[in-house]
Protein backbone atom coordinates (compact mmCIF):
# COMPACT_ATOMS: atom_id res chain seq x y z
CA UNK A 1 0.00 0.00 0.00
CA UNK A 2 1.48 3.41 -0.96
CA UNK A 3 2.61 5.81 1.74
CA UNK A 4 0.48 8.92 1.26
CA UNK A 5 1.88 10.73 4.30
CA UNK A 6 3.73 13.22 2.13
CA UNK A 7 4.06 16.75 3.47
CA UNK A 8 1.53 19.30 2.29
CA UNK A 9 4.11 22.00 1.57
CA UNK A 10 6.80 22.09 -1.08
CA UNK A 11 9.50 22.57 1.54
CA UNK A 12 8.12 19.67 3.59
CA UNK A 13 7.83 17.53 0.47
CA UNK A 14 11.48 18.17 -0.39
CA UNK A 15 12.56 17.18 3.14
CA UNK A 16 10.44 14.02 3.01
CA UNK A 17 11.88 12.93 -0.33
CA UNK A 18 15.43 13.87 0.67
CA UNK A 19 15.14 11.50 3.64
CA UNK A 20 13.68 8.78 1.39
CA UNK A 21 16.47 9.10 -1.20
CA UNK A 22 19.13 9.05 1.52
CA UNK A 23 17.54 5.94 3.06
CA UNK A 24 17.41 4.31 -0.38
CA UNK A 25 21.13 4.90 -0.94
CA UNK A 26 21.90 3.26 2.41
CA UNK A 27 19.45 0.37 1.93
CA UNK A 28 21.28 -1.65 -0.73
CA UNK A 29 17.89 -2.37 -2.33
CA UNK A 30 16.81 -1.70 -5.89
CA UNK A 31 14.54 1.31 -6.35
CA UNK A 32 11.56 -0.95 -6.91
CA UNK A 33 12.27 -3.04 -3.80
CA UNK A 34 12.82 0.09 -1.68
CA UNK A 35 9.54 1.61 -2.83
CA UNK A 36 7.60 -1.60 -2.19
CA UNK A 37 9.14 -2.02 1.26
CA UNK A 38 8.41 1.60 2.24
CA UNK A 39 5.02 2.02 0.60
CA UNK A 40 6.22 4.63 -1.90
CA UNK A 41 4.96 5.22 -5.41
CA UNK A 42 7.79 4.10 -7.69
CA UNK A 43 7.34 6.86 -10.29
CA UNK A 44 7.17 9.59 -7.63
CA UNK A 45 10.30 8.23 -5.99
CA UNK A 46 12.15 8.18 -9.32
CA UNK A 47 11.08 11.75 -10.09
CA UNK A 48 12.27 13.06 -6.72
CA UNK A 49 15.49 11.03 -6.79
CA UNK A 50 16.44 12.52 -10.17
CA UNK A 51 15.38 16.01 -9.09
CA UNK A 52 17.32 15.93 -5.82
CA UNK A 53 20.44 14.38 -7.35
CA UNK A 54 20.46 16.99 -10.15
CA UNK A 55 20.06 19.75 -7.59
CA UNK A 56 22.80 18.31 -5.38
CA UNK A 57 25.15 17.95 -8.34
CA UNK A 58 24.55 21.59 -9.32
CA UNK A 59 25.49 22.58 -5.77
CA UNK A 60 28.62 20.43 -5.86
CA UNK A 61 27.13 17.78 -3.57
CA UNK A 62 27.31 14.14 -4.57
CA UNK A 63 25.82 10.95 -3.18
CA UNK A 64 28.48 8.30 -2.72
CA UNK A 65 28.03 4.60 -2.14
CA UNK A 66 29.54 3.17 1.02
CA UNK A 67 30.28 -0.54 1.27
CA UNK A 68 28.80 -1.20 4.71
CA UNK A 69 29.98 -4.82 4.78
CA UNK A 70 33.60 -3.78 4.30
CA UNK A 71 33.29 -1.21 7.07
CA UNK A 72 31.79 -3.82 9.43
CA UNK A 73 34.66 -6.23 8.70
CA UNK A 74 37.27 -3.64 9.57
CA UNK A 75 35.35 -2.26 12.57
CA UNK A 76 36.12 1.22 11.34
CA UNK A 77 34.11 4.24 12.37
CA UNK A 78 32.54 6.53 9.80
CA UNK A 79 31.66 10.15 10.36
CA UNK A 80 29.28 11.75 7.86
CA UNK A 81 28.92 15.49 7.63
CA UNK A 82 25.97 17.04 5.86
């Protein structure tokens, strides 16, 4: 069942989708699997993912993939700054 608890404002919507895209990048799931698991509409997720990534790239911000399994093996700590 889709998650229709999107924010009613544009600013709130952007925050909601930013959190969803960040969670997707950390999940290790395909977009389709992530949307099904979290009750999101696949096409809406794809639209916001592209929009946010384009915006981030224009601002010089880039999403990077982190191999969580490798980090767990080495027991290293990671600090992320946003």
